[in-house]
C-alpha atoms as a PDB file:
ATOM      1  CA  UNK A   1      55.751  70.130  30.431  1.00  0.00           C
ATOM      2  CA  UNK A   2      56.454  66.499  29.637  1.00  0.00           C
ATOM      3  CA  UNK A   3      53.374  64.518  28.629  1.00  0.00           C
ATOM      4  CA  UNK A   4      52.530  61.360  30.562  1.00  0.00           C
ATOM      5  CA  UNK A   5      52.142  58.411  28.215  1.00  0.00           C
ATOM      6  CA  UNK A   6      50.539  55.274  29.616  1.00  0.00           C
ATOM      7  CA  UNK A   7      50.836  53.568  26.235  1.00  0.00           C
ATOM      8  CA  UNK A   8      54.463  53.313  25.046  1.00  0.00           C
ATOM      9  CA  UNK A   9      55.502  54.392  21.558  1.00  0.00           C
ATOM     10  CA  UNK A  10      55.653  50.859  20.197  1.00  0.00           C
ATOM     11  CA  UNK A  11      53.943  49.476  17.097  1.00  0.00           C
ATOM     12  CA  UNK A  12      53.445  45.710  17.053  1.00  0.00           C
ATOM     13  CA  UNK A  13      52.635  43.743  13.923  1.00  0.00           C
ATOM     14  CA  UNK A  14      52.743  40.061  13.031  1.00  0.00           C
ATOM     15  CA  UNK A  15      54.248  38.334  10.009  1.00  0.00           C
ATOM     16  CA  UNK A  16      54.492  34.572  10.440  1.00  0.00           C
ATOM     17  CA  UNK A  17      54.998  31.929   7.772  1.00  0.00           C
ATOM     18  CA  UNK A  18      57.535  31.977   4.958  1.00  0.00           C
ATOM     19  CA  UNK A  19      55.943  34.227   2.347  1.00  0.00           C
ATOM     20  CA  UNK A  20      57.500  37.638   1.654  1.00  0.00           C
ATOM     21  CA  UNK A  21      55.437  40.723   2.403  1.00  0.00           C
ATOM     22  CA  UNK A  22      53.442  41.814  -0.670  1.00  0.00           C
ATOM     23  CA  UNK A  23      53.900  45.373  -1.970  1.00  0.00           C
ATOM     24  CA  UNK A  24      50.642  46.640  -0.460  1.00  0.00           C
ATOM     25  CA  UNK A  25      51.697  45.525   3.026  1.00  0.00           C
ATOM     26  CA  UNK A  26      55.041  47.290   2.581  1.00  0.00           C
ATOM     27  CA  UNK A  27      53.212  50.438   1.485  1.00  0.00           C
ATOM     28  CA  UNK A  28      51.025  50.321   4.604  1.00  0.00           C
ATOM     29  CA  UNK A  29      54.077  49.872   6.840  1.00  0.00           C
ATOM     30  CA  UNK A  30      55.677  52.850   5.084  1.00  0.00           C
ATOM     31  CA  UNK A  31      52.773  55.023   6.281  1.00  0.00           C
ATOM     32  CA  UNK A  32      53.510  53.965   9.876  1.00  0.00           C
ATOM     33  CA  UNK A  33      57.080  55.179   9.501  1.00  0.00           C
ATOM     34  CA  UNK A  34      55.913  58.401   7.866  1.00  0.00           C
ATOM     35  CA  UNK A  35      53.429  59.454  10.550  1.00  0.00           C
ATOM     36  CA  UNK A  36      55.019  57.696  13.553  1.00  0.00           C
ATOM     37  CA  UNK A  37      58.754  58.282  12.991  1.00  0.00           C
ATOM     38  CA  UNK A  38      59.717  58.092  16.676  1.00  0.00           C
ATOM     39  CA  UNK A  39      57.811  54.868  17.390  1.00  0.00           C
ATOM     40  CA  UNK A  40      59.588  51.531  17.750  1.00  0.00           C
ATOM     41  CA  UNK A  41      58.162  49.120  15.157  1.00  0.00           C
ATOM     42  CA  UNK A  42      58.307  45.513  16.337  1.00  0.00           C
ATOM     43  CA  UNK A  43      57.746  42.564  14.005  1.00  0.00           C
ATOM     44  CA  UNK A  44      56.566  39.340  15.621  1.00  0.00           C
ATOM     45  CA  UNK A  45      57.706  36.550  13.300  1.00  0.00           C
ATOM     46  CA  UNK A  46      58.290  32.802  13.365  1.00  0.00           C
ATOM     47  CA  UNK A  47      60.935  33.096  16.074  1.00  0.00           C
ATOM     48  CA  UNK A  48      58.384  34.196  18.670  1.00  0.00           C
ATOM     49  CA  UNK A  49      56.908  30.699  18.606  1.00  0.00           C
ATOM     50  CA  UNK A  50      60.054  29.545  20.422  1.00  0.00           C
ATOM     51  CA  UNK A  51      58.760  31.080  23.653  1.00  0.00           C
ATOM     52  CA  UNK A  52      54.978  31.209  23.177  1.00  0.00           C
ATOM     53  CA  UNK A  53      53.555  28.147  24.915  1.00  0.00           C
ATOM     54  CA  UNK A  54      49.842  28.603  24.234  1.00  0.00           C
ATOM     55  CA  UNK A  55      48.200  25.455  22.794  1.00  0.00           C
ATOM     56  CA  UNK A  56      45.834  27.345  20.478  1.00  0.00           C
ATOM     57  CA  UNK A  57      48.646  29.397  18.926  1.00  0.00           C
ATOM     58  CA  UNK A  58      50.941  26.381  18.564  1.00  0.00           C
ATOM     59  CA  UNK A  59      48.278  24.245  16.870  1.00  0.00           C
ATOM     60  CA  UNK A  60      47.326  27.066  14.494  1.00  0.00           C
ATOM     61  CA  UNK A  61      51.004  27.668  13.684  1.00  0.00           C
ATOM     62  CA  UNK A  62      51.752  24.005  12.971  1.00  0.00           C
ATOM     63  CA  UNK A  63      48.809  23.958  10.566  1.00  0.00           C
ATOM     64  CA  UNK A  64      49.875  27.224   8.900  1.00  0.00           C
ATOM     65  CA  UNK A  65      46.716  29.106   9.840  1.00  0.00           C
ATOM     66  CA  UNK A  66      48.578  32.372  10.207  1.00  0.00           C
ATOM     67  CA  UNK A  67      45.614  34.681  10.855  1.00  0.00           C
ATOM     68  CA  UNK A  68      44.633  32.608  13.876  1.00  0.00           C
ATOM     69  CA  UNK A  69      48.208  32.556  15.154  1.00  0.00           C
ATOM     70  CA  UNK A  70      48.141  36.349  15.080  1.00  0.00           C
ATOM     71  CA  UNK A  71      44.910  36.424  17.106  1.00  0.00           C
ATOM     72  CA  UNK A  72      46.853  35.222  20.136  1.00  0.00           C
ATOM     73  CA  UNK A  73      50.194  36.925  19.477  1.00  0.00           C
ATOM     74  CA  UNK A  74      48.687  40.434  19.229  1.00  0.00           C
ATOM     75  CA  UNK A  75      47.234  40.078  22.727  1.00  0.00           C
ATOM     76  CA  UNK A  76      50.477  38.584  24.051  1.00  0.00           C
ATOM     77  CA  UNK A  77      52.483  41.490  22.616  1.00  0.00           C
ATOM     78  CA  UNK A  78      50.175  44.166  24.004  1.00  0.00           C
ATOM     79  CA  UNK A  79      49.942  42.621  27.459  1.00  0.00           C
ATOM     80  CA  UNK A  80      53.661  42.025  27.957  1.00  0.00           C
ATOM     81  CA  UNK A  81      54.980  45.163  26.254  1.00  0.00           C
ATOM     82  CA  UNK A  82      52.170  47.665  25.804  1.00  0.00           C
ATOM     83  CA  UNK A  83      51.880  49.777  22.674  1.00  0.00           C
ATOM     84  CA  UNK A  84      49.692  49.751  19.580  1.00  0.00           C
ATOM     85  CA  UNK A  85      48.886  46.682  17.520  1.00  0.00           C
ATOM     86  CA  UNK A  86      48.267  47.175  13.779  1.00  0.00           C
ATOM     87  CA  UNK A  87      47.175  44.669  11.149  1.00  0.00           C
ATOM     88  CA  UNK A  88      49.488  44.782   8.145  1.00  0.00           C
ATOM     89  CA  UNK A  89      46.666  46.128   5.960  1.00  0.00           C
ATOM     90  CA  UNK A  90      46.242  49.237   8.113  1.00  0.00           C
ATOM     91  CA  UNK A  91      47.237  52.559   6.563  1.00  0.00           C
ATOM     92  CA  UNK A  92      48.132  55.248   9.106  1.00  0.00           C
ATOM     93  CA  UNK A  93      46.955  58.772   8.255  1.00  0.00           C
ATOM     94  CA  UNK A  94      47.847  60.727  11.399  1.00  0.00           C
ATOM     95  CA  UNK A  95      50.091  60.510  14.469  1.00  0.00           C
ATOM     96  CA  UNK A  96      48.733  58.689  17.537  1.00  0.00           C
ATOM     97  CA  UNK A  97      50.405  60.751  20.271  1.00  0.00           C
ATOM     98  CA  UNK A  98      47.271  62.296  21.767  1.00  0.00           C
ATOM     99  CA  UNK A  99      45.876  58.785  22.375  1.00  0.00           C
ATOM    100  CA  UNK A 100      48.838  57.551  24.405  1.00  0.00           C
ATOM    101  CA  UNK A 101      47.513  58.975  27.679  1.00  0.00           C
ATOM    102  CA  UNK A 102      44.739  56.359  27.558  1.00  0.00           C
ATOM    103  CA  UNK A 103      44.928  52.880  29.077  1.00  0.00           C
ATOM    104  CA  UNK A 104      43.163  51.217  26.148  1.00  0.00           C
ATOM    105  CA  UNK A 105      41.644  52.253  22.826  1.00  0.00           C
ATOM    106  CA  UNK A 106      40.148  50.785  19.703  1.00  0.00           C
ATOM    107  CA  UNK A 107      37.091  51.553  17.566  1.00  0.00           C
ATOM    108  CA  UNK A 108      33.952  50.042  16.129  1.00  0.00           C
ATOM    109  CA  UNK A 109      34.487  47.980  12.995  1.00  0.00           C
ATOM    110  CA  UNK A 110      32.336  48.310   9.884  1.00  0.00           C
ATOM    111  CA  UNK A 111      32.516  45.871   6.986  1.00  0.00           C
ATOM    112  CA  UNK A 112      29.916  45.173   4.293  1.00  0.00           C
ATOM    113  CA  UNK A 113      27.430  47.348   6.143  1.00  0.00           C
ATOM    114  CA  UNK A 114      27.715  45.412   9.399  1.00  0.00           C
ATOM    115  CA  UNK A 115      28.983  47.074  12.589  1.00  0.00           C
ATOM    116  CA  UNK A 116      30.874  45.209  15.311  1.00  0.00           C
ATOM    117  CA  UNK A 117      31.562  46.746  18.733  1.00  0.00           C
ATOM    118  CA  UNK A 118      35.335  46.647  18.310  1.00  0.00           C
ATOM    119  CA  UNK A 119      38.032  46.026  15.722  1.00  0.00           C
ATOM    120  CA  UNK A 120      41.008  43.782  16.378  1.00  0.00           C
ATOM    121  CA  UNK A 121      42.998  45.460  13.576  1.00  0.00           C
ATOM    122  CA  UNK A 122      43.933  48.523  15.659  1.00  0.00           C
ATOM    123  CA  UNK A 123      44.264  48.295  19.426  1.00  0.00           C
ATOM    124  CA  UNK A 124      46.293  50.395  21.844  1.00  0.00           C
ATOM    125  CA  UNK A 125      46.955  49.388  25.445  1.00  0.00           C
ATOM    126  CA  UNK A 126      49.226  50.039  28.379  1.00  0.00           C
ATOM    127  CA  UNK A 127      51.480  47.219  29.567  1.00  0.00           C
ATOM    128  CA  UNK A 128      49.548  44.619  31.596  1.00  0.00           C
ATOM    129  CA  UNK A 129      46.232  46.277  30.763  1.00  0.00           C
ATOM    130  CA  UNK A 130      43.302  44.466  32.409  1.00  0.00           C
ATOM    131  CA  UNK A 131      41.179  44.263  29.239  1.00  0.00           C
ATOM    132  CA  UNK A 132      44.031  42.714  27.270  1.00  0.00           C
ATOM    133  CA  UNK A 133      44.694  40.335  30.189  1.00  0.00           C
ATOM    134  CA  UNK A 134      41.078  39.154  30.180  1.00  0.00           C
ATOM    135  CA  UNK A 135      41.124  38.669  26.400  1.00  0.00           C
ATOM    136  CA  UNK A 136      44.420  36.791  26.640  1.00  0.00           C
ATOM    137  CA  UNK A 137      42.967  34.542  29.338  1.00  0.00           C
ATOM    138  CA  UNK A 138      40.182  33.427  26.984  1.00  0.00           C
ATOM    139  CA  UNK A 139      42.894  31.525  25.095  1.00  0.00           C
ATOM    140  CA  UNK A 140      44.335  29.864  28.198  1.00  0.00           C
ATOM    141  CA  UNK A 141      42.409  26.608  27.782  1.00  0.00           C
ATOM    142  CA  UNK A 142      41.304  27.108  24.178  1.00  0.00           C
ATOM    143  CA  UNK A 143      42.339  24.659  21.458  1.00  0.00           C
ATOM    144  CA  UNK A 144      42.551  25.267  17.726  1.00  0.00           C
ATOM    145  CA  UNK A 145      41.927  21.610  16.875  1.00  0.00           C
ATOM    146  CA  UNK A 146      38.675  20.232  18.291  1.00  0.00           C
ATOM    147  CA  UNK A 147      37.626  16.680  17.395  1.00  0.00           C
ATOM    148  CA  UNK A 148      40.066  16.662  14.467  1.00  0.00           C
ATOM    149  CA  UNK A 149      38.632  19.883  13.041  1.00  0.00           C
ATOM    150  CA  UNK A 150      40.021  23.414  13.009  1.00  0.00           C
ATOM    151  CA  UNK A 151      38.221  26.009  15.114  1.00  0.00           C
ATOM    152  CA  UNK A 152      37.932  28.788  12.527  1.00  0.00           C
ATOM    153  CA  UNK A 153      35.868  31.119  14.685  1.00  0.00           C
ATOM    154  CA  UNK A 154      37.081  34.653  13.798  1.00  0.00           C
ATOM    155  CA  UNK A 155      38.564  36.632  16.670  1.00  0.00           C
ATOM    156  CA  UNK A 156      36.061  39.435  16.053  1.00  0.00           C
ATOM    157  CA  UNK A 157      33.316  37.078  17.212  1.00  0.00           C
ATOM    158  CA  UNK A 158      35.233  36.117  20.364  1.00  0.00           C
ATOM    159  CA  UNK A 159      36.060  39.738  21.152  1.00  0.00           C
ATOM    160  CA  UNK A 160      32.449  40.794  20.576  1.00  0.00           C
ATOM    161  CA  UNK A 161      31.245  38.136  23.029  1.00  0.00           C
ATOM    162  CA  UNK A 162      33.772  39.341  25.594  1.00  0.00           C
ATOM    163  CA  UNK A 163      32.701  42.997  25.442  1.00  0.00           C
ATOM    164  CA  UNK A 164      29.006  42.102  25.481  1.00  0.00           C
ATOM    165  CA  UNK A 165      29.461  40.050  28.663  1.00  0.00           C
ATOM    166  CA  UNK A 166      32.123  42.141  30.418  1.00  0.00           C
ATOM    167  CA  UNK A 167      30.842  45.649  29.690  1.00  0.00           C
ATOM    168  CA  UNK A 168      27.226  45.006  28.722  1.00  0.00           C
ATOM    169  CA  UNK A 169      27.845  46.426  25.257  1.00  0.00           C
ATOM    170  CA  UNK A 170      24.591  45.633  23.506  1.00  0.00           C
ATOM    171  CA  UNK A 171      23.067  45.822  20.053  1.00  0.00           C
ATOM    172  CA  UNK A 172      22.405  47.724  17.946  1.00  0.00           C
ATOM    173  CA  UNK A 173      26.110  48.500  17.562  1.00  0.00           C
ATOM    174  CA  UNK A 174      26.384  52.029  16.180  1.00  0.00           C
ATOM    175  CA  UNK A 175      29.488  52.892  14.174  1.00  0.00           C
ATOM    176  CA  UNK A 176      29.469  56.558  15.255  1.00  0.00           C
ATOM    177  CA  UNK A 177      29.120  55.807  18.961  1.00  0.00           C
ATOM    178  CA  UNK A 178      31.815  56.380  21.607  1.00  0.00           C
ATOM    179  CA  UNK A 179      31.879  53.901  24.493  1.00  0.00           C
ATOM    180  CA  UNK A 180      33.722  54.655  27.723  1.00  0.00           C
ATOM    181  CA  UNK A 181      34.454  51.228  29.197  1.00  0.00           C
ATOM    182  CA  UNK A 182      36.417  52.190  32.302  1.00  0.00           C
ATOM    183  CA  UNK A 183      38.572  55.173  33.178  1.00  0.00           C
ATOM    184  CA  UNK A 184      40.863  55.980  30.230  1.00  0.00           C
ATOM    185  CA  UNK A 185      39.560  52.978  28.243  1.00  0.00           C
ATOM    186  CA  UNK A 186      37.572  53.949  25.152  1.00  0.00           C
ATOM    187  CA  UNK A 187      36.031  52.424  22.033  1.00  0.00           C
ATOM    188  CA  UNK A 188      35.905  55.223  19.448  1.00  0.00           C
ATOM    189  CA  UNK A 189      33.672  55.607  16.368  1.00  0.00           C
ATOM    190  CA  UNK A 190      34.715  53.579  13.323  1.00  0.00           C
ATOM    191  CA  UNK A 191      36.075  56.656  11.535  1.00  0.00           C
ATOM    192  CA  UNK A 192      38.968  56.848  14.018  1.00  0.00           C
ATOM    193  CA  UNK A 193      40.843  53.750  12.868  1.00  0.00           C
ATOM    194  CA  UNK A 194      38.830  51.781  10.282  1.00  0.00           C
ATOM    195  CA  UNK A 195      37.287  54.061   7.681  1.00  0.00           C
ATOM    196  CA  UNK A 196      37.885  57.577   6.465  1.00  0.00           C
ATOM    197  CA  UNK A 197      34.778  59.791   6.526  1.00  0.00           C
ATOM    198  CA  UNK A 198      34.856  63.392   5.310  1.00  0.00           C
ATOM    199  CA  UNK A 199      35.160  66.004   8.069  1.00  0.00           C
ATOM    200  CA  UNK A 200      35.565  63.392  10.807  1.00  0.00           C
ATOM    201  CA  UNK A 201      38.599  62.479  12.919  1.00  0.00           C
ATOM    202  CA  UNK A 202      40.762  59.794  11.344  1.00  0.00           C
ATOM    203  CA  UNK A 203      44.021  58.158  12.389  1.00  0.00           C
ATOM    204  CA  UNK A 204      44.101  55.098  10.154  1.00  0.00           C
ATOM    205  CA  UNK A 205      42.234  53.071   7.543  1.00  0.00           C
ATOM    206  CA  UNK A 206      41.722  49.318   7.727  1.00  0.00           C
ATOM    207  CA  UNK A 207      41.798  47.986   4.177  1.00  0.00           C
ATOM    208  CA  UNK A 208      40.447  44.516   5.020  1.00  0.00           C
ATOM    209  CA  UNK A 209      42.889  42.704   2.756  1.00  0.00           C
ATOM    210  CA  UNK A 210      42.967  39.476   4.750  1.00  0.00           C
ATOM    211  CA  UNK A 211      43.013  36.402   2.529  1.00  0.00           C
ATOM    212  CA  UNK A 212      39.340  35.741   3.298  1.00  0.00           C
ATOM    213  CA  UNK A 213      38.314  39.291   2.323  1.00  0.00           C
ATOM    214  CA  UNK A 214      40.746  40.169  -0.451  1.00  0.00           C
ATOM    215  CA  UNK A 215      39.110  41.345  -3.677  1.00  0.00           C
ATOM    216  CA  UNK A 216      42.310  41.740  -5.720  1.00  0.00           C
ATOM    217  CA  UNK A 217      46.015  41.148  -5.434  1.00  0.00           C
ATOM    218  CA  UNK A 218      48.280  43.968  -6.573  1.00  0.00           C
ATOM    219  CA  UNK A 219      51.707  43.982  -8.157  1.00  0.00           C
ATOM    220  CA  UNK A 220      53.391  47.263  -9.067  1.00  0.00           C
ATOM    221  CA  UNK A 221      54.990  46.748 -12.484  1.00  0.00           C
ATOM    222  CA  UNK A 222      56.447  50.250 -12.851  1.00  0.00           C
ATOM    223  CA  UNK A 223      57.252  52.954 -10.319  1.00  0.00           C
ATOM    224  CA  UNK A 224      58.368  56.502 -11.207  1.00  0.00           C
ATOM    225  CA  UNK A 225      59.780  58.697  -8.412  1.00  0.00           C
ATOM    226  CA  UNK A 226      57.479  56.909  -5.956  1.00  0.00           C
ATOM    227  CA  UNK A 227      54.666  59.070  -7.372  1.00  0.00           C
ATOM    228  CA  UNK A 228      53.385  57.318 -10.505  1.00  0.00           C
ATOM    229  CA  UNK A 229      52.615  53.603 -10.576  1.00  0.00           C
ATOM    230  CA  UNK A 230      51.521  51.111 -13.186  1.00  0.00           C
ATOM    231  CA  UNK A 231      49.904  48.346 -11.151  1.00  0.00           C
ATOM    232  CA  UNK A 232      48.588  44.945 -12.153  1.00  0.00           C
ATOM    233  CA  UNK A 233      45.471  43.763 -10.300  1.00  0.00           C
ATOM    234  CA  UNK A 234      44.221  40.188 -10.249  1.00  0.00           C
ATOM    235  CA  UNK A 235      40.667  39.581  -9.071  1.00  0.00           C
ATOM    236  CA  UNK A 236      40.259  37.120  -6.208  1.00  0.00           C
ATOM    237  CA  UNK A 237      36.717  37.808  -5.005  1.00  0.00           C
ATOM    238  CA  UNK A 238      33.662  39.958  -5.639  1.00  0.00           C
ATOM    239  CA  UNK A 239      33.859  41.217  -2.047  1.00  0.00           C
ATOM    240  CA  UNK A 240      36.370  43.555  -0.470  1.00  0.00           C
ATOM    241  CA  UNK A 241      38.049  46.699  -1.723  1.00  0.00           C
ATOM    242  CA  UNK A 242      40.821  47.427  -4.177  1.00  0.00           C
ATOM    243  CA  UNK A 243      44.327  47.512  -2.654  1.00  0.00           C
ATOM    244  CA  UNK A 244      44.751  51.257  -3.208  1.00  0.00           C
ATOM    245  CA  UNK A 245      45.956  53.678  -0.551  1.00  0.00           C
ATOM    246  CA  UNK A 246      43.943  56.753   0.398  1.00  0.00           C
ATOM    247  CA  UNK A 247      46.578  59.058  -1.120  1.00  0.00           C
ATOM    248  CA  UNK A 248      46.513  57.242  -4.484  1.00  0.00           C
ATOM    249  CA  UNK A 249      44.270  58.380  -7.345  1.00  0.00           C
ATOM    250  CA  UNK A 250      43.405  56.247 -10.371  1.00  0.00           C
ATOM    251  CA  UNK A 251      44.270  58.173 -13.539  1.00  0.00           C
ATOM    252  CA  UNK A 252      43.528  55.380 -15.987  1.00  0.00           C
ATOM    253  CA  UNK A 253      42.420  51.750 -15.900  1.00  0.00           C
ATOM    254  CA  UNK A 254      42.168  49.010 -18.502  1.00  0.00           C
ATOM    255  CA  UNK A 255      40.701  45.527 -18.172  1.00  0.00           C
ATOM    256  CA  UNK A 256      42.737  42.843 -19.948  1.00  0.00           C
ATOM    257  CA  UNK A 257      40.720  39.766 -18.990  1.00  0.00           C
ATOM    258  CA  UNK A 258      37.889  38.964 -16.579  1.00  0.00           C
ATOM    259  CA  UNK A 259      40.406  38.785 -13.757  1.00  0.00           C
ATOM    260  CA  UNK A 260      43.351  40.937 -14.859  1.00  0.00           C
ATOM    261  CA  UNK A 261      43.393  44.725 -15.070  1.00  0.00           C
ATOM    262  CA  UNK A 262      46.016  47.478 -15.038  1.00  0.00           C
ATOM    263  CA  UNK A 263      45.837  50.817 -13.259  1.00  0.00           C
ATOM    264  CA  UNK A 264      47.802  54.025 -13.682  1.00  0.00           C
ATOM    265  CA  UNK A 265      48.008  55.554 -10.202  1.00  0.00           C
ATOM    266  CA  UNK A 266      49.168  58.940  -8.944  1.00  0.00           C
ATOM    267  CA  UNK A 267      50.289  59.113  -5.326  1.00  0.00           C
ATOM    268  CA  UNK A 268      50.321  62.405  -3.424  1.00  0.00           C
ATOM    269  CA  UNK A 269      53.028  62.954  -0.758  1.00  0.00           C
END
């Protein structure tokens, strides 16, 4: 019997600006292809700004604030096409097929011990989903430049406000809670899409490697059979996690300077 999918097998991600994708982003995308081989992967790049007319997105783009450009584009992509949006620092660990019969899904987000009601790094939705439409509408009259200053409010704050008002989602936000918003619209526990917890369901891991959260940059200096890596790490911040995938194990590490270290990594298939 053919399964009914409300959410199409499409993965949307955003890469705007002129910088090439760093190795860790490419490794994350490789996990999408590994576990979701029959999904269409759609990159939303600079060319999409030719037809996106939203003032907020245009102002953010002109000022090269790429993360804020993506805040709008991810909602635009999901509303007009349906599918699953993934941040480029999301590592997929399992196929998503049994979630496609839903109208909308995401999960709680946990970072630095704080829980938010929903992550914007992983969201699945049917085409023209009402939740995505309402979120998209919050940008209709929104501007990125207000009184000659950038509005740097993170989208997690805006999304939290929306769910608190729309669905009466109230504190304390519990990371292991499941919230049924409407029929076939669910916010799952954080272990579904953001963090891997032993003996709990997991589909992906959000590595939080946005420029404002990045602890280290990584450059692979040597690669042997795509199994053994010698990687150079440069410290950027005391916060955040190392850019290491869940299937990579550190065999050896050496610190060269206060900021530079090298790792010998073994990757399992």
